[in-house]
Amino acid sequence: MPVSKKARLANLHARIFACRRCLEAGHAITPGPVLRGVHTAKVMTIGQAPGVSGFYLANGFSGHGFQHAPVVGKLLAELIVDGAATSVDVSGLGLERFGSGELVREGHVV
């Protein structure tokens, strides 16, 4: 039987507050399985979604999102406000690269 959205949110809310209580008490949290946000190219996607005006993507960081967040925020702001990223060339990181076959490959994936 499918779980309702309300029940899923209640479960999430309870888990967040359980983690918060553990952190406030100074307890370590046992790590569990997590999803790894990466796609076939193993390189992030940054740019406007093709065919959807005003919808921008910044995903596929594979756990490095916190590390890259400051510059990604700046790049998204440039894309939205100026129409192009000027700090770093992100032209090869758009979603359209998957359809064109021009994938950027990360050579240093561990």
N, C-alpha and C. Protein backbone atom coordinates (compact mmCIF):
# COMPACT_ATOMS: atom_id res chain seq x y z
N MET A 1 0.84 -1.17 0.00
CA MET A 1 0.00 0.00 0.00
C MET A 1 0.89 1.24 0.00
N PRO A 2 0.68 2.19 -0.92
CA PRO A 2 1.51 3.39 -0.99
C PRO A 2 1.34 4.26 0.25
N VAL A 3 2.45 4.87 0.65
CA VAL A 3 2.44 5.76 1.82
C VAL A 3 2.08 7.16 1.34
N SER A 4 1.23 7.83 2.09
CA SER A 4 0.78 9.16 1.69
C SER A 4 1.91 10.18 1.84
N LYS A 5 1.78 11.27 1.14
CA LYS A 5 2.76 12.35 1.23
C LYS A 5 2.82 12.89 2.66
N LYS A 6 1.67 13.01 3.30
CA LYS A 6 1.61 13.51 4.67
C LYS A 6 2.39 12.59 5.62
N ALA A 7 2.24 11.28 5.43
CA ALA A 7 2.96 10.32 6.27
C ALA A 7 4.46 10.38 6.03
N ARG A 8 4.87 10.51 4.75
CA ARG A 8 6.30 10.62 4.42
C ARG A 8 6.91 11.87 5.05
N LEU A 9 6.19 12.99 4.98
CA LEU A 9 6.69 14.23 5.58
C LEU A 9 6.77 14.13 7.09
N ALA A 10 5.79 13.48 7.71
CA ALA A 10 5.82 13.29 9.16
C ALA A 10 7.02 12.44 9.56
N ASN A 11 7.31 11.39 8.79
CA ASN A 11 8.46 10.53 9.05
C ASN A 11 9.76 11.32 8.91
N LEU A 12 9.87 12.10 7.85
CA LEU A 12 11.05 12.93 7.63
C LEU A 12 11.24 13.92 8.77
N HIS A 13 10.16 14.57 9.16
CA HIS A 13 10.19 15.55 10.26
C HIS A 13 10.70 14.88 11.54
N ALA A 14 10.19 13.70 11.87
CA ALA A 14 10.62 12.98 13.07
C ALA A 14 12.09 12.62 13.01
N ARG A 15 12.57 12.20 11.84
CA ARG A 15 13.97 11.82 11.70
C ARG A 15 14.89 13.03 11.81
N ILE A 16 14.48 14.16 11.26
CA ILE A 16 15.29 15.39 11.36
C ILE A 16 15.44 15.80 12.81
N PHE A 17 14.33 15.78 13.55
CA PHE A 17 14.41 16.18 14.95
C PHE A 17 15.16 15.17 15.80
N ALA A 18 15.12 13.89 15.44
CA ALA A 18 15.91 12.89 16.16
C ALA A 18 17.40 13.17 15.95
N CYS A 19 17.79 13.49 14.73
CA CYS A 19 19.19 13.84 14.45
C CYS A 19 19.60 15.09 15.21
N ARG A 20 18.71 16.06 15.23
CA ARG A 20 19.01 17.32 15.93
C ARG A 20 19.26 17.06 17.41
N ARG A 21 18.42 16.22 18.04
CA ARG A 21 18.60 15.91 19.46
C ARG A 21 19.93 15.21 19.68
N CYS A 22 20.31 14.30 18.79
CA CYS A 22 21.60 13.61 18.92
C CYS A 22 22.76 14.59 18.82
N LEU A 23 22.68 15.50 17.87
CA LEU A 23 23.75 16.48 17.69
C LEU A 23 23.85 17.42 18.89
N GLU A 24 22.71 17.86 19.39
CA GLU A 24 22.72 18.76 20.56
C GLU A 24 23.29 18.06 21.79
N ALA A 25 23.08 16.75 21.90
CA ALA A 25 23.59 15.99 23.03
C ALA A 25 25.04 15.56 22.83
N GLY A 26 25.58 15.81 21.65
CA GLY A 26 26.96 15.46 21.37
C GLY A 26 27.16 14.01 20.96
N HIS A 27 26.10 13.32 20.57
CA HIS A 27 26.21 11.92 20.15
C HIS A 27 26.59 11.84 18.68
N ALA A 28 27.34 10.82 18.36
CA ALA A 28 27.66 10.56 16.96
C ALA A 28 26.45 9.90 16.30
N ILE A 29 26.27 10.20 15.05
CA ILE A 29 25.18 9.60 14.28
C ILE A 29 25.77 8.49 13.43
N THR A 30 25.21 7.31 13.51
CA THR A 30 25.68 6.18 12.72
C THR A 30 25.34 6.42 11.25
N PRO A 31 26.33 6.39 10.38
CA PRO A 31 26.03 6.60 8.96
C PRO A 31 25.23 5.45 8.38
N GLY A 32 24.42 5.76 7.43
CA GLY A 32 23.63 4.75 6.74
C GLY A 32 23.79 4.93 5.25
N PRO A 33 23.08 4.14 4.48
CA PRO A 33 23.19 4.25 3.02
C PRO A 33 22.63 5.57 2.52
N VAL A 34 23.26 6.12 1.51
CA VAL A 34 22.81 7.37 0.91
C VAL A 34 22.85 7.23 -0.61
N LEU A 35 22.08 8.05 -1.28
CA LEU A 35 22.14 8.08 -2.73
C LEU A 35 23.31 8.94 -3.17
N ARG A 36 23.98 8.51 -4.19
CA ARG A 36 25.10 9.27 -4.73
C ARG A 36 24.61 9.99 -5.98
N GLY A 37 24.53 11.32 -5.89
CA GLY A 37 23.97 12.11 -6.99
C GLY A 37 24.94 12.32 -8.13
N VAL A 38 25.10 11.31 -8.94
CA VAL A 38 26.03 11.40 -10.05
C VAL A 38 25.37 10.77 -11.28
N HIS A 39 25.75 11.21 -12.44
CA HIS A 39 25.20 10.64 -13.66
C HIS A 39 26.32 10.03 -14.50
N THR A 40 25.99 9.56 -15.66
CA THR A 40 26.95 8.78 -16.46
C THR A 40 28.23 9.52 -16.78
N ALA A 41 28.19 10.83 -16.93
CA ALA A 41 29.40 11.57 -17.27
C ALA A 41 30.29 11.80 -16.06
N LYS A 42 29.74 11.63 -14.86
CA LYS A 42 30.46 11.85 -13.60
C LYS A 42 30.94 13.29 -13.45
N VAL A 43 30.31 14.20 -14.16
CA VAL A 43 30.62 15.63 -14.08
C VAL A 43 29.30 16.37 -13.90
N MET A 44 29.31 17.37 -13.04
CA MET A 44 28.09 18.12 -12.73
C MET A 44 27.41 18.71 -13.96
N THR A 45 26.14 19.05 -13.79
CA THR A 45 25.37 19.73 -14.81
C THR A 45 25.05 21.13 -14.28
N ILE A 46 25.40 22.14 -15.04
CA ILE A 46 25.10 23.53 -14.68
C ILE A 46 24.60 24.23 -15.92
N GLY A 47 23.45 24.88 -15.82
CA GLY A 47 22.94 25.64 -16.94
C GLY A 47 21.43 25.63 -17.01
N GLN A 48 20.90 26.32 -18.00
CA GLN A 48 19.46 26.38 -18.18
C GLN A 48 18.97 25.07 -18.80
N ALA A 49 17.83 24.59 -18.32
CA ALA A 49 17.25 23.37 -18.87
C ALA A 49 16.78 23.64 -20.29
N PRO A 50 17.17 22.82 -21.24
CA PRO A 50 16.75 23.03 -22.63
C PRO A 50 15.22 22.97 -22.75
N GLY A 51 14.67 23.97 -23.41
CA GLY A 51 13.24 24.01 -23.66
C GLY A 51 12.38 24.48 -22.51
N VAL A 52 12.98 24.86 -21.38
CA VAL A 52 12.22 25.33 -20.22
C VAL A 52 12.79 26.68 -19.79
N SER A 53 12.19 27.73 -20.25
CA SER A 53 12.69 29.07 -19.96
C SER A 53 12.66 29.37 -18.46
N GLY A 54 13.77 29.85 -17.95
CA GLY A 54 13.86 30.25 -16.55
C GLY A 54 14.10 29.12 -15.57
N PHE A 55 14.31 27.90 -16.05
CA PHE A 55 14.57 26.76 -15.17
C PHE A 55 16.04 26.37 -15.31
N TYR A 56 16.79 26.56 -14.22
CA TYR A 56 18.23 26.32 -14.26
C TYR A 56 18.59 25.09 -13.43
N LEU A 57 19.61 24.39 -13.85
CA LEU A 57 20.05 23.16 -13.20
C LEU A 57 21.43 23.33 -12.59
N ALA A 58 21.62 22.74 -11.45
CA ALA A 58 22.93 22.62 -10.81
C ALA A 58 22.87 21.32 -10.02
N ASN A 59 23.28 20.22 -10.65
CA ASN A 59 23.15 18.92 -9.99
C ASN A 59 24.24 17.95 -10.47
N GLY A 60 24.22 16.75 -9.89
CA GLY A 60 25.19 15.72 -10.27
C GLY A 60 26.56 15.93 -9.65
N PHE A 61 26.60 16.47 -8.42
CA PHE A 61 27.88 16.80 -7.79
C PHE A 61 28.52 15.63 -7.05
N SER A 62 27.80 14.53 -6.89
CA SER A 62 28.35 13.33 -6.26
C SER A 62 28.98 13.61 -4.91
N GLY A 63 28.29 14.30 -4.06
CA GLY A 63 28.80 14.56 -2.72
C GLY A 63 29.70 15.78 -2.61
N HIS A 64 30.06 16.39 -3.71
CA HIS A 64 30.92 17.56 -3.68
C HIS A 64 30.13 18.87 -3.73
N GLY A 65 28.83 18.78 -3.63
CA GLY A 65 27.99 19.97 -3.73
C GLY A 65 28.31 21.04 -2.70
N PHE A 66 28.55 20.64 -1.46
CA PHE A 66 28.89 21.62 -0.43
C PHE A 66 30.21 22.30 -0.75
N GLN A 67 31.13 21.56 -1.27
CA GLN A 67 32.45 22.08 -1.63
C GLN A 67 32.34 23.09 -2.78
N HIS A 68 31.49 22.80 -3.75
CA HIS A 68 31.36 23.64 -4.93
C HIS A 68 30.27 24.71 -4.80
N ALA A 69 29.48 24.65 -3.75
CA ALA A 69 28.30 25.52 -3.63
C ALA A 69 28.59 27.01 -3.82
N PRO A 70 29.63 27.59 -3.23
CA PRO A 70 29.84 29.03 -3.41
C PRO A 70 30.01 29.45 -4.87
N VAL A 71 30.86 28.75 -5.61
CA VAL A 71 31.08 29.13 -7.00
C VAL A 71 29.87 28.77 -7.86
N VAL A 72 29.19 27.68 -7.55
CA VAL A 72 28.00 27.31 -8.33
C VAL A 72 26.90 28.37 -8.14
N GLY A 73 26.74 28.85 -6.92
CA GLY A 73 25.78 29.93 -6.68
C GLY A 73 26.12 31.17 -7.48
N LYS A 74 27.40 31.52 -7.52
CA LYS A 74 27.84 32.68 -8.30
C LYS A 74 27.58 32.46 -9.79
N LEU A 75 27.89 31.26 -10.29
CA LEU A 75 27.69 30.96 -11.70
C LEU A 75 26.21 30.99 -12.08
N LEU A 76 25.36 30.43 -11.22
CA LEU A 76 23.92 30.47 -11.50
C LEU A 76 23.41 31.90 -11.50
N ALA A 77 23.90 32.71 -10.58
CA ALA A 77 23.49 34.12 -10.56
C ALA A 77 23.90 34.81 -11.86
N GLU A 78 25.11 34.55 -12.33
CA GLU A 78 25.57 35.13 -13.59
C GLU A 78 24.70 34.67 -14.76
N LEU A 79 24.40 33.37 -14.79
CA LEU A 79 23.56 32.84 -15.86
C LEU A 79 22.18 33.49 -15.87
N ILE A 80 21.60 33.65 -14.70
CA ILE A 80 20.25 34.19 -14.59
C ILE A 80 20.23 35.68 -14.86
N VAL A 81 21.14 36.41 -14.27
CA VAL A 81 21.13 37.88 -14.37
C VAL A 81 21.76 38.37 -15.68
N ASP A 82 22.92 37.81 -16.03
CA ASP A 82 23.66 38.30 -17.18
C ASP A 82 23.43 37.48 -18.46
N GLY A 83 22.85 36.30 -18.32
CA GLY A 83 22.60 35.46 -19.49
C GLY A 83 23.76 34.54 -19.84
N ALA A 84 24.87 34.67 -19.13
CA ALA A 84 26.04 33.81 -19.37
C ALA A 84 26.92 33.81 -18.13
N ALA A 85 27.58 32.70 -17.89
CA ALA A 85 28.54 32.62 -16.79
C ALA A 85 29.83 33.26 -17.25
N THR A 86 30.34 34.21 -16.47
CA THR A 86 31.56 34.91 -16.86
C THR A 86 32.76 34.54 -15.99
N SER A 87 32.53 34.03 -14.80
CA SER A 87 33.64 33.66 -13.91
C SER A 87 34.37 32.42 -14.39
N VAL A 88 33.60 31.44 -14.85
CA VAL A 88 34.15 30.17 -15.33
C VAL A 88 33.32 29.75 -16.54
N ASP A 89 33.96 29.19 -17.54
CA ASP A 89 33.24 28.71 -18.71
C ASP A 89 32.52 27.41 -18.37
N VAL A 90 31.18 27.45 -18.35
CA VAL A 90 30.38 26.27 -18.05
C VAL A 90 29.64 25.78 -19.29
N SER A 91 30.04 26.26 -20.45
CA SER A 91 29.31 25.92 -21.68
C SER A 91 29.29 24.41 -21.95
N GLY A 92 30.28 23.68 -21.50
CA GLY A 92 30.31 22.23 -21.71
C GLY A 92 29.61 21.43 -20.64
N LEU A 93 28.99 22.11 -19.65
CA LEU A 93 28.35 21.40 -18.55
C LEU A 93 26.83 21.38 -18.63
N GLY A 94 26.27 21.84 -19.72
CA GLY A 94 24.82 21.88 -19.87
C GLY A 94 24.22 20.50 -20.10
N LEU A 95 22.93 20.40 -19.83
CA LEU A 95 22.22 19.14 -20.00
C LEU A 95 22.19 18.67 -21.45
N GLU A 96 22.23 19.60 -22.38
CA GLU A 96 22.17 19.24 -23.80
C GLU A 96 23.36 18.39 -24.25
N ARG A 97 24.44 18.37 -23.48
CA ARG A 97 25.60 17.58 -23.88
C ARG A 97 25.29 16.08 -23.93
N PHE A 98 24.30 15.63 -23.18
CA PHE A 98 23.95 14.22 -23.20
C PHE A 98 23.32 13.82 -24.53
N GLY A 99 22.55 14.73 -25.12
CA GLY A 99 21.92 14.45 -26.41
C GLY A 99 22.88 14.57 -27.57
N SER A 100 23.88 15.44 -27.42
CA SER A 100 24.82 15.67 -28.53
C SER A 100 25.99 14.69 -28.52
N GLY A 101 26.16 13.97 -27.41
CA GLY A 101 27.27 13.02 -27.31
C GLY A 101 28.59 13.68 -26.95
N GLU A 102 28.56 14.97 -26.62
CA GLU A 102 29.78 15.69 -26.26
C GLU A 102 29.94 15.71 -24.75
N LEU A 103 30.19 14.55 -24.17
CA LEU A 103 30.30 14.44 -22.72
C LEU A 103 31.68 14.89 -22.23
N VAL A 104 31.68 15.64 -21.16
CA VAL A 104 32.90 16.01 -20.48
C VAL A 104 33.19 14.90 -19.48
N ARG A 105 34.34 14.31 -19.55
CA ARG A 105 34.68 13.21 -18.64
C ARG A 105 35.64 13.69 -17.57
N GLU A 106 35.38 13.31 -16.35
CA GLU A 106 36.26 13.62 -15.23
C GLU A 106 37.36 12.58 -15.20
N GLY A 107 38.59 13.02 -15.28
CA GLY A 107 39.71 12.09 -15.32
C GLY A 107 40.24 11.69 -13.97
N HIS A 108 39.77 12.34 -12.91
CA HIS A 108 40.33 12.10 -11.58
C HIS A 108 39.28 11.57 -10.61
N VAL A 109 38.35 10.77 -11.09
CA VAL A 109 37.33 10.20 -10.21
C VAL A 109 37.94 9.06 -9.44
N VAL A 110 37.78 9.10 -8.14
CA VAL A 110 38.34 8.06 -7.28
C VAL A 110 37.30 7.01 -7.03
